[in-house]
Each structure stands twice: as C-alpha cells, then as structure tokens.
Amino acid sequence: MKNAQVNQDKCIGCGLCVQLCPKVFEIQDNGKSKAVHPAGDDEATIQSAIDACPVNAISWVA
C-alpha cells in the first residue's frame, strides 16, 4: 500500500492539500502540512492533493 508523505523542508503551508484531502492532511503547529493518516482516503483523492501542491512537497512512499 502506498502512503502520502509531506516533505517538511518544501512545504509552505498553503493548506491546499488539507482542503482537497482533509482525511489525510492537517496543518500542524509549525504551520506546515503533515499526512496524519497517510492512507486515509482513496488513492485518487490523495493523488489530487499531490498534483495540486504548488511546491511539489507531497509524494508517495511505499
């Protein structure tokens, strides 16, 4: 199963991933997104968040 992961060095905290996939992503206290439930939604929905990230901070990990 694939899981989503957010690169904390790249993330700018825009929140787009949270809007598109709130079951998986949350904005943390540091203002950056984190995949708190990396497989918490269907792959197509997670992929939409990956594709929408303006700084390409989200990727799949095995």
C-alpha atoms as a PDB file:
ATOM      1  CA  MET A   1       0.000   0.000   0.000  1.00  0.00           C
ATOM      2  CA  LYS A   2       1.198   3.493  -0.839  1.00  0.00           C
ATOM      3  CA  ASN A   3       1.188   6.262   1.733  1.00  0.00           C
ATOM      4  CA  ALA A   4       1.398  10.023   1.315  1.00  0.00           C
ATOM      5  CA  GLN A   5       4.289  11.923   2.824  1.00  0.00           C
ATOM      6  CA  VAL A   6       4.911  15.659   3.105  1.00  0.00           C
ATOM      7  CA  ASN A   7       8.455  16.986   2.778  1.00  0.00           C
ATOM      8  CA  GLN A   8       8.647  19.481   5.639  1.00  0.00           C
ATOM      9  CA  ASP A   9      11.543  21.361   4.030  1.00  0.00           C
ATOM     10  CA  LYS A  10       9.493  22.068   0.885  1.00  0.00           C
ATOM     11  CA  CYS A  11       6.047  22.634   2.421  1.00  0.00           C
ATOM     12  CA  ILE A  12       4.922  26.280   2.510  1.00  0.00           C
ATOM     13  CA  GLY A  13       1.743  25.601   4.484  1.00  0.00           C
ATOM     14  CA  CYS A  14      -0.674  26.821   1.820  1.00  0.00           C
ATOM     15  CA  GLY A  15      -3.325  24.335   3.029  1.00  0.00           C
ATOM     16  CA  LEU A  16      -4.455  23.214  -0.415  1.00  0.00           C
ATOM     17  CA  CYS A  17      -3.832  19.554   0.430  1.00  0.00           C
ATOM     18  CA  VAL A  18      -5.975  19.908   3.564  1.00  0.00           C
ATOM     19  CA  GLN A  19      -8.805  21.419   1.522  1.00  0.00           C
ATOM     20  CA  LEU A  20      -8.629  18.645  -1.078  1.00  0.00           C
ATOM     21  CA  CYS A  21      -7.995  15.723   1.251  1.00  0.00           C
ATOM     22  CA  PRO A  22      -8.871  16.538   4.883  1.00  0.00           C
ATOM     23  CA  LYS A  23      -8.977  12.866   5.902  1.00  0.00           C
ATOM     24  CA  VAL A  24      -5.230  12.613   5.256  1.00  0.00           C
ATOM     25  CA  PHE A  25      -3.610  16.025   5.761  1.00  0.00           C
ATOM     26  CA  GLU A  26      -3.602  18.519   8.634  1.00  0.00           C
ATOM     27  CA  ILE A  27      -1.768  21.777   9.233  1.00  0.00           C
ATOM     28  CA  GLN A  28       0.498  21.340  12.243  1.00  0.00           C
ATOM     29  CA  ASP A  29       1.521  23.865  14.894  1.00  0.00           C
ATOM     30  CA  ASN A  30       4.578  24.779  12.797  1.00  0.00           C
ATOM     31  CA  GLY A  31       2.239  25.955  10.006  1.00  0.00           C
ATOM     32  CA  LYS A  32       3.152  23.108   7.665  1.00  0.00           C
ATOM     33  CA  SER A  33       1.090  20.207   6.430  1.00  0.00           C
ATOM     34  CA  LYS A  34       1.529  16.649   7.625  1.00  0.00           C
ATOM     35  CA  ALA A  35      -0.009  13.402   6.411  1.00  0.00           C
ATOM     36  CA  VAL A  36      -1.547  12.346   9.724  1.00  0.00           C
ATOM     37  CA  HIS A  37      -3.461   9.454   8.118  1.00  0.00           C
ATOM     38  CA  PRO A  38      -1.217   8.669   5.104  1.00  0.00           C
ATOM     39  CA  ALA A  39      -3.592   6.087   3.621  1.00  0.00           C
ATOM     40  CA  GLY A  40      -6.787   7.619   4.994  1.00  0.00           C
ATOM     41  CA  ASP A  41      -8.542   8.208   1.683  1.00  0.00           C
ATOM     42  CA  ASP A  42      -8.699   6.660  -1.769  1.00  0.00           C
ATOM     43  CA  GLU A  43      -5.565   6.959  -3.892  1.00  0.00           C
ATOM     44  CA  ALA A  44      -7.229   9.196  -6.494  1.00  0.00           C
ATOM     45  CA  THR A  45      -8.137  11.792  -3.858  1.00  0.00           C
ATOM     46  CA  ILE A  46      -4.655  11.723  -2.358  1.00  0.00           C
ATOM     47  CA  GLN A  47      -3.159  11.980  -5.841  1.00  0.00           C
ATOM     48  CA  SER A  48      -5.232  15.114  -6.468  1.00  0.00           C
ATOM     49  CA  ALA A  49      -3.581  16.725  -3.436  1.00  0.00           C
ATOM     50  CA  ILE A  50      -0.145  15.610  -4.632  1.00  0.00           C
ATOM     51  CA  ASP A  51      -0.793  17.067  -8.078  1.00  0.00           C
ATOM     52  CA  ALA A  52      -2.147  20.339  -6.665  1.00  0.00           C
ATOM     53  CA  CYS A  53       0.762  21.067  -4.312  1.00  0.00           C
ATOM     54  CA  PRO A  54       2.401  24.227  -5.670  1.00  0.00           C
ATOM     55  CA  VAL A  55       5.866  23.288  -4.371  1.00  0.00           C
ATOM     56  CA  ASN A  56       5.725  19.512  -5.012  1.00  0.00           C
ATOM     57  CA  ALA A  57       6.145  18.770  -1.309  1.00  0.00           C
ATOM     58  CA  ILE A  58       3.891  15.680  -1.260  1.00  0.00           C
ATOM     59  CA  SER A  59       4.896  12.291  -2.589  1.00  0.00           C
ATOM     60  CA  TRP A  60       4.040   8.610  -2.345  1.00  0.00           C
ATOM     61  CA  VAL A  61       6.135   6.268  -0.203  1.00  0.00           C
ATOM     62  CA  ALA A  62       5.856   2.504  -0.013  1.00  0.00           C
END
